[in-house]
Protein backbone atom coordinates (compact mmCIF):
# COMPACT_ATOMS: atom_id res chain seq x y z
CA MET A 1 5.52 -44.38 -15.99
CA GLN A 2 5.87 -43.69 -12.27
CA ILE A 3 9.07 -41.74 -12.95
CA VAL A 4 7.17 -39.43 -15.31
CA LYS A 5 4.46 -38.92 -12.69
CA ASP A 6 7.07 -38.12 -10.06
CA ILE A 7 8.69 -35.55 -12.36
CA ILE A 8 5.34 -33.91 -13.10
CA ASN A 9 4.44 -33.89 -9.40
CA TRP A 10 7.80 -32.27 -8.64
CA ALA A 11 7.25 -29.69 -11.39
CA SER A 12 3.83 -28.92 -9.89
CA ALA A 13 5.32 -27.67 -6.63
CA PRO A 14 4.67 -23.93 -6.38
CA VAL A 15 8.19 -22.64 -7.06
CA GLN A 16 8.79 -24.96 -10.01
CA PHE A 17 5.25 -24.56 -11.36
CA PHE A 18 5.27 -20.78 -11.53
CA THR A 19 8.93 -20.56 -12.60
CA LEU A 20 8.48 -23.01 -15.48
CA SER A 21 5.18 -21.38 -16.48
CA THR A 22 6.82 -17.96 -16.56
CA LEU A 23 9.74 -19.24 -18.65
CA ILE A 24 7.33 -20.91 -21.09
CA PHE A 25 5.31 -17.68 -21.26
CA PHE A 26 8.32 -15.54 -22.21
CA ALA A 27 9.55 -18.18 -24.66
CA MET A 28 6.11 -18.14 -26.27
CA LEU A 29 6.40 -14.38 -26.84
CA ARG A 30 10.04 -14.60 -27.96
CA PHE A 31 9.86 -17.50 -30.42
CA LYS A 32 7.14 -17.22 -33.04
CA GLY A 33 7.38 -20.63 -34.68
CA TRP A 34 4.83 -22.22 -32.35
CA VAL A 35 1.95 -20.18 -33.85
CA LYS A 36 2.29 -21.88 -37.22
CA PRO A 37 -0.80 -24.09 -37.73
CA ARG A 38 1.25 -27.27 -38.02
CA ASN A 39 3.24 -26.63 -34.83
CA ALA A 40 0.16 -25.44 -32.96
CA THR A 41 -1.69 -28.60 -34.00
CA LEU A 42 1.16 -30.76 -32.68
CA ILE A 43 1.06 -28.88 -29.37
CA LEU A 44 -2.71 -29.34 -29.15
CA VAL A 45 -2.45 -33.07 -29.93
CA ALA A 46 0.29 -33.43 -27.30
CA ALA A 47 -1.84 -31.58 -24.73
CA LEU A 48 -4.88 -33.73 -25.47
CA ALA A 49 -2.79 -36.91 -25.36
CA PHE A 50 -1.34 -35.85 -22.00
CA PHE A 51 -4.83 -35.10 -20.70
CA PHE A 52 -6.43 -38.38 -21.77
CA ILE A 53 -3.46 -40.53 -20.73
CA SER A 54 -3.45 -38.79 -17.35
CA MET A 55 -7.12 -39.68 -16.96
CA LEU A 56 -5.94 -43.27 -16.44
CA ASP A 57 -4.49 -42.18 -13.10
CA PRO A 58 -7.21 -42.37 -10.41
CA ASN A 59 -5.95 -39.34 -8.47
CA PHE A 60 -5.83 -37.16 -11.58
CA ARG A 61 -9.23 -38.36 -12.72
CA LEU A 62 -10.78 -37.76 -9.31
CA ILE A 63 -9.82 -34.08 -9.41
CA VAL A 64 -10.54 -33.31 -13.06
CA VAL A 65 -13.95 -34.99 -13.37
CA LYS A 66 -15.43 -33.11 -10.41
CA ALA A 67 -18.50 -31.33 -11.75
CA ASP A 68 -17.27 -27.87 -10.81
CA ASN A 69 -13.73 -28.51 -12.15
CA ILE A 70 -14.74 -29.63 -15.64
CA PRO A 71 -15.36 -26.05 -16.89
CA ILE A 72 -11.89 -25.02 -15.69
CA ALA A 73 -10.31 -27.77 -17.81
CA PHE A 74 -12.26 -26.52 -20.83
CA MET A 75 -11.26 -22.96 -19.98
CA LEU A 76 -7.57 -23.84 -20.27
CA PHE A 77 -7.99 -25.07 -23.82
CA ILE A 78 -10.23 -22.13 -24.76
CA VAL A 79 -7.78 -19.55 -23.38
CA GLY A 80 -4.94 -21.33 -25.16
CA PHE A 81 -6.83 -21.32 -28.45
CA PHE A 82 -7.67 -17.62 -28.42
CA LEU A 83 -4.18 -16.73 -27.25
CA TRP A 84 -2.78 -18.66 -30.21
CA LEU A 85 -5.27 -17.09 -32.63
CA SER A 86 -4.55 -13.51 -31.54
CA LEU A 87 -0.75 -13.94 -31.50
CA LYS A 88 -0.85 -15.73 -34.85
CA GLN A 89 -2.60 -12.75 -36.41
CA ALA A 90 -0.25 -10.35 -34.61
CA PHE A 91 2.91 -12.14 -35.79
CA GLU A 92 1.59 -12.34 -39.34
CA ASN A 93 0.90 -8.60 -39.37
CA ASP A 94 4.36 -7.94 -37.95
CA ALA A 95 5.85 -9.88 -40.86
CA ARG A 96 3.71 -7.91 -43.33
CA ILE A 97 4.73 -4.57 -41.81
CA ALA A 98 8.40 -5.61 -41.89
CA ARG A 99 8.03 -6.24 -45.63
CA GLY A 100 6.50 -2.80 -46.11
CA GLU A 101 2.96 -4.12 -46.56
CA PRO A 102 -0.12 -2.88 -44.69
CA PRO A 103 -1.71 -5.04 -41.96
CA ALA A 104 -4.17 -7.66 -43.12
CA GLU A 105 -7.05 -5.74 -41.53
CA ALA A 106 -6.29 -2.70 -43.72
CA VAL A 107 -6.52 -4.64 -46.97
CA GLU A 108 -9.90 -4.59 -48.68
CA THR A 109 -10.84 -8.13 -49.65
CA LYS A 110 -13.78 -9.57 -51.53
CA ASP A 111 -14.67 -12.01 -48.74
CA LYS A 112 -15.79 -9.27 -46.35
CA LEU A 113 -19.43 -9.69 -45.42
CA MET A 114 -22.13 -7.44 -44.05
CA VAL A 115 -23.23 -7.70 -40.42
CA TRP A 116 -26.79 -8.34 -41.57
CA PRO A 117 -27.59 -11.03 -42.44
CA HIS A 118 -24.29 -12.95 -42.41
CA LEU A 119 -22.91 -12.15 -38.94
CA VAL A 120 -26.31 -12.28 -37.27
CA TYR A 121 -27.00 -15.69 -38.82
CA THR A 122 -23.66 -16.99 -37.59
CA GLU A 123 -24.27 -15.67 -34.09
CA PHE A 124 -27.76 -17.17 -34.05
CA ILE A 125 -26.41 -20.60 -35.03
CA CYS A 126 -23.77 -20.33 -32.29
CA LEU A 127 -26.53 -19.43 -29.83
CA ILE A 128 -28.50 -22.54 -30.76
CA LEU A 129 -25.44 -24.82 -30.55
CA LEU A 130 -24.40 -23.39 -27.19
CA THR A 131 -27.94 -23.85 -25.85
CA VAL A 132 -27.87 -27.51 -26.93
CA VAL A 133 -24.48 -27.99 -25.25
CA LEU A 134 -25.72 -26.45 -21.99
CA VAL A 135 -28.88 -28.58 -22.01
CA VAL A 136 -26.91 -31.79 -22.60
CA TRP A 137 -24.37 -30.72 -19.99
CA SER A 138 -27.06 -30.12 -17.38
CA ILE A 139 -28.56 -33.57 -18.05
CA VAL A 140 -25.34 -35.60 -18.15
CA ILE A 141 -23.33 -33.89 -15.37
CA GLN A 142 -24.80 -33.57 -11.92
CA ALA A 143 -24.85 -30.06 -10.49
CA PRO A 144 -22.21 -29.68 -7.71
CA ILE A 145 -24.82 -28.87 -5.08
CA GLU A 146 -23.76 -29.89 -1.60
CA GLN A 147 -25.55 -30.07 1.72
CA PRO A 148 -26.81 -26.91 3.42
CA ALA A 149 -24.05 -24.85 4.96
CA ASN A 150 -23.03 -26.10 8.37
CA PRO A 151 -20.63 -23.89 10.38
CA THR A 152 -19.51 -26.91 12.41
CA ASP A 153 -18.60 -28.99 9.35
CA SER A 154 -16.72 -27.01 6.70
CA PRO A 155 -15.48 -28.70 3.52
CA ASN A 156 -11.79 -29.45 3.35
CA PRO A 157 -10.54 -27.74 1.28
CA SER A 158 -13.06 -24.91 1.47
CA LYS A 159 -12.78 -23.14 -1.87
CA ALA A 160 -14.34 -20.05 -3.34
CA PRO A 161 -16.03 -20.17 -6.78
CA TRP A 162 -13.53 -20.49 -9.59
CA TYR A 163 -13.70 -16.80 -10.49
CA PHE A 164 -12.62 -15.92 -6.91
CA LEU A 165 -9.88 -18.54 -6.63
CA GLY A 166 -7.28 -15.97 -7.70
CA LEU A 167 -8.33 -13.72 -4.84
CA GLN A 168 -8.38 -16.66 -2.43
CA GLU A 169 -4.85 -17.54 -3.47
CA MET A 170 -3.73 -13.95 -2.92
CA LEU A 171 -5.09 -14.15 0.63
CA VAL A 172 -2.31 -16.63 1.37
CA TYR A 173 0.34 -13.98 0.74
CA PHE A 174 -1.35 -10.72 1.74
CA ASP A 175 -3.52 -9.42 4.55
CA PRO A 176 -7.28 -9.54 3.75
CA TRP A 177 -7.52 -5.76 3.30
CA MET A 178 -4.73 -5.93 0.72
CA ALA A 179 -5.78 -9.08 -1.15
CA GLY A 180 -9.52 -8.49 -0.95
CA VAL A 181 -9.77 -4.71 -1.41
CA VAL A 182 -6.61 -2.93 -2.52
CA LEU A 183 -5.23 -5.29 -5.17
CA PRO A 184 -8.62 -6.08 -6.82
CA GLY A 185 -9.37 -2.35 -6.80
CA LEU A 186 -6.03 -1.60 -8.45
CA ILE A 187 -6.76 -4.23 -11.10
CA ILE A 188 -9.98 -2.43 -12.01
CA VAL A 189 -8.35 1.00 -11.83
CA GLY A 190 -5.41 -0.21 -13.90
CA LEU A 191 -7.65 -1.57 -16.65
CA MET A 192 -9.55 1.72 -16.75
CA ALA A 193 -6.29 3.69 -16.83
CA ILE A 194 -4.79 1.81 -19.79
CA PRO A 195 -6.33 4.07 -22.51
CA TYR A 196 -5.02 7.17 -20.72
CA ILE A 197 -1.54 5.82 -19.99
CA ASP A 198 -0.90 4.05 -23.30
CA THR A 199 -0.75 6.74 -25.99
CA ASN A 200 0.96 4.57 -28.57
CA PRO A 201 -1.09 5.11 -31.76
CA LYS A 202 0.25 1.95 -33.38
CA GLY A 203 -1.80 -1.22 -33.27
CA ASN A 204 -5.08 0.67 -33.46
CA GLY A 205 -7.53 -1.44 -35.45
CA TYR A 206 -5.20 -4.30 -36.28
CA TYR A 207 -3.32 -7.09 -34.54
CA THR A 208 0.36 -6.52 -33.83
CA PHE A 209 2.93 -7.53 -31.26
CA ALA A 210 6.19 -5.92 -32.39
CA GLU A 211 4.70 -2.41 -32.25
CA ARG A 212 3.22 -2.91 -28.78
CA ARG A 213 5.61 -5.45 -27.30
CA TRP A 214 5.74 -4.12 -23.72
CA GLU A 215 2.07 -3.22 -23.51
CA ILE A 216 0.87 -6.63 -24.68
CA GLY A 217 3.54 -8.50 -22.75
CA LEU A 218 2.68 -6.85 -19.43
CA PHE A 219 -1.03 -7.36 -19.94
CA LEU A 220 -0.62 -11.02 -20.84
CA PHE A 221 1.73 -11.56 -17.89
CA GLY A 222 -0.88 -10.20 -15.52
CA PHE A 223 -3.68 -12.16 -17.13
CA ILE A 224 -2.01 -15.51 -17.85
CA ILE A 225 0.60 -15.81 -15.09
CA LEU A 226 -0.96 -13.81 -12.26
CA TRP A 227 -4.60 -14.74 -12.80
CA ILE A 228 -5.18 -17.85 -14.92
CA LEU A 229 -2.37 -19.74 -13.19
CA LEU A 230 -3.74 -18.76 -9.78
CA VAL A 231 -7.12 -20.17 -10.81
CA VAL A 232 -5.45 -23.36 -12.05
CA ALA A 233 -3.42 -23.70 -8.85
CA GLY A 234 -6.46 -23.11 -6.68
CA THR A 235 -8.54 -25.61 -8.67
CA PHE A 236 -6.21 -28.52 -9.36
CA LEU A 237 -3.21 -28.14 -7.03
CA ARG A 238 -4.67 -26.84 -3.77
CA GLY A 239 -5.97 -29.74 -1.72
CA PRO A 240 -6.97 -30.43 1.90
CA ASN A 241 -5.69 -27.94 4.47
CA TRP A 242 -4.83 -25.74 1.49
CA ASN A 243 -1.66 -27.74 0.85
CA PHE A 244 -0.15 -28.09 -2.60
CA PHE A 245 -0.54 -31.51 -4.25
CA GLY A 246 0.76 -32.76 -7.57
CA PRO A 247 -1.80 -33.83 -10.21
CA TYR A 248 -1.04 -37.51 -9.54
CA GLN A 249 -0.92 -37.29 -5.76
CA TYR A 250 -3.70 -38.45 -3.48
CA TRP A 251 -5.39 -35.63 -1.59
CA ASP A 252 -4.59 -36.87 1.88
CA VAL A 253 -6.58 -34.94 4.51
CA HIS A 254 -4.03 -35.98 7.13
CA LYS A 255 -1.10 -34.38 5.32
CA VAL A 256 0.41 -31.70 7.50
CA GLU A 257 3.24 -29.44 6.38
CA PRO A 258 4.64 -27.40 9.28
CA LEU A 259 5.11 -23.82 8.09
CA VAL A 260 6.91 -21.51 10.47
CA ASN A 261 5.97 -18.20 8.92
CA ILE A 262 8.27 -15.36 9.85
CA HIS A 263 8.07 -11.59 9.50
CA LEU A 264 10.84 -9.28 8.36
CA SER A 265 11.09 -7.77 11.85
CA GLU A 266 11.93 -11.21 13.27
CA ILE A 267 14.55 -11.79 10.58
CA PHE A 268 16.15 -8.40 11.18
CA TRP A 269 16.14 -8.18 14.98
CA VAL A 270 16.32 -11.83 16.06
CA ARG A 271 18.21 -13.66 13.33
CA MET A 272 20.50 -10.92 12.09
CA LEU A 273 21.14 -8.81 15.19
CA HIS A 274 20.53 -11.63 17.72
CA ARG A 275 18.49 -9.47 20.06
CA ALA A 276 14.94 -9.22 21.26
CA MET A 277 12.52 -7.27 19.13
CA PRO A 278 11.78 -3.74 20.37
CA SER A 279 8.43 -3.27 22.05
CA PHE A 280 7.68 0.02 20.29
CA TRP A 281 5.99 -0.79 16.97
CA LEU A 282 7.70 1.97 14.96
CA VAL A 283 11.20 0.81 15.88
CA ARG A 284 10.26 -2.85 15.51
CA GLU A 285 8.85 -2.46 12.01
CA LEU A 286 11.23 0.26 10.84
CA PRO A 287 13.20 -2.04 8.45
CA GLY A 288 10.00 -3.13 6.72
CA LEU A 289 8.64 0.40 6.55
CA LEU A 290 11.88 1.65 4.99
CA ILE A 291 11.81 -1.13 2.38
CA ALA A 292 8.15 -0.43 1.60
CA LEU A 293 8.87 3.31 1.22
CA PHE A 294 11.86 2.55 -1.00
CA TYR A 295 9.75 0.25 -3.16
CA VAL A 296 6.94 2.76 -3.63
CA VAL A 297 8.74 6.13 -3.43
CA ALA A 298 12.42 5.71 -4.32
CA LEU A 299 12.31 2.86 -6.84
CA PRO A 300 10.13 4.64 -9.49
CA PRO A 301 12.64 7.49 -10.10
CA ILE A 302 15.50 4.98 -10.11
CA LEU A 303 13.71 2.94 -12.77
CA ALA A 304 12.96 6.15 -14.69
CA ARG A 305 16.69 6.72 -15.06
CA THR A 306 17.60 3.08 -15.81
CA LEU A 307 15.38 0.24 -16.99
CA LEU A 308 12.27 2.32 -17.70
CA LYS A 309 14.00 5.39 -19.11
CA ASN A 310 12.27 5.04 -22.47
CA PHE A 311 8.87 4.78 -20.78
CA TYR A 312 9.54 7.92 -18.76
CA ASN A 313 10.57 9.88 -21.85
CA LYS A 314 7.53 8.66 -23.78
CA LEU A 315 4.88 8.94 -21.08
CA GLY A 316 5.98 11.98 -19.13
CA PHE A 317 6.02 12.39 -15.37
CA ALA A 318 2.28 12.07 -14.61
CA ARG A 319 1.47 9.05 -16.78
CA TYR A 320 4.76 7.37 -15.88
CA SER A 321 4.01 7.76 -12.15
CA VAL A 322 0.65 6.03 -12.52
CA PHE A 323 2.13 3.35 -14.78
CA VAL A 324 5.07 2.46 -12.55
CA PHE A 325 2.90 2.42 -9.41
CA LEU A 326 0.49 -0.07 -11.00
CA LEU A 327 3.44 -2.09 -12.32
CA LEU A 328 5.08 -2.29 -8.88
CA MET A 329 1.80 -3.29 -7.26
CA MET A 330 1.37 -6.05 -9.85
CA MET A 331 4.91 -7.31 -9.31
CA SER A 332 4.43 -7.34 -5.53
CA LEU A 333 2.30 -10.47 -5.94
CA PRO A 334 4.96 -12.76 -7.48
CA ILE A 335 7.56 -11.29 -5.10
CA LYS A 336 5.47 -12.19 -2.05
CA MET A 337 4.62 -15.58 -3.53
CA TYR A 338 8.25 -16.59 -3.98
CA LEU A 339 9.23 -15.21 -0.58
CA ARG A 340 6.51 -17.30 1.06
CA TRP A 341 7.38 -20.47 -0.82
CA ALA A 342 11.15 -20.23 -0.47
CA PHE A 343 11.58 -18.66 2.99
CA ASN A 344 8.16 -18.91 4.70
CA PHE A 345 8.21 -15.11 4.67
CA LYS A 346 4.85 -13.68 5.68
CA TYR A 347 4.72 -9.91 6.21
CA LEU A 348 7.10 -7.12 5.36
CA VAL A 349 5.39 -4.92 7.97
CA ASN A 350 3.45 -6.56 10.80
CA LEU A 351 1.53 -3.91 12.74
CA SER A 352 -0.76 -6.15 14.75
CA GLU A 353 -1.50 -3.19 17.03
CA PHE A 354 -3.36 -1.49 14.20
CA PHE A 355 -4.44 -4.60 12.22
CA PHE A 356 -2.21 -3.37 9.39
CA ASN A 357 0.08 -5.80 7.58
CA ILE A 358 1.95 -5.64 4.30
């Protein structure tokens, strides 16, 4: 049993956790057999069995049963259920379209019901049941209200509300102006820009994956891997001093992991050229500035001629430019995450003179 816990703790380290999660995510989109009700039921039973057996471990139970962590555990199962339901309907429609049949949503069936009274009745019953659940929840589980804020005695770890844990995790890898303003703003702008960038008429009014493979895949990657997993990591894996802990590890407040964060300028001038860093900021940060300019300016046209050639031909110059900029900004997060975990890499450009870091 301890060997299994050690393996799971090892797999919960940041590099392994996000790598395995990403591989599982792409396998989920590639192989469709898991959406079959029987296979999905087996996966659900295995997940529940893992959860309840893990509750026997005191360290796991201590984290999960915290009043403000319980909703996150429920959220994982709810997100998994609706992801399965939507992809199940999408894969079934893909099979129908491959056979030359219309999507299920386009077929008139006798079991279609009117909004009034059938849908309204159903929603009203759900409202009553949810109200009962919330009342029972508020009675059984104590509200996670702590002592009044004391600037001389901060909690360890000091965490944001669950819906800001993704942003708090991004603050580890980016400067506050980038993680707190630019990237969240680009998320909102990107979501608003989707209807104007994506002109694919297929999949309008019915579930499908094959006809919108890239669009759905990129959206789910940003939502599942770059948001939900950040919330999970911030809730269950980030412990005292913001260190990573496995689900079966004790959150030791005395654990100290020395991290010698290093900037690209130090790698280039000191480690590669074996010389002191220039005092003038432009010369010192020139390697990082050139890489940043290449990433934002030169890489989009290169991708337009290679990997994203089909997107460029389909979208045109203007829409492609917006699309690839948002895509590169999204991919900058996992790039910085892996660089930090593997090499303690902090900033590509460190302009402390102007409080500007990338």
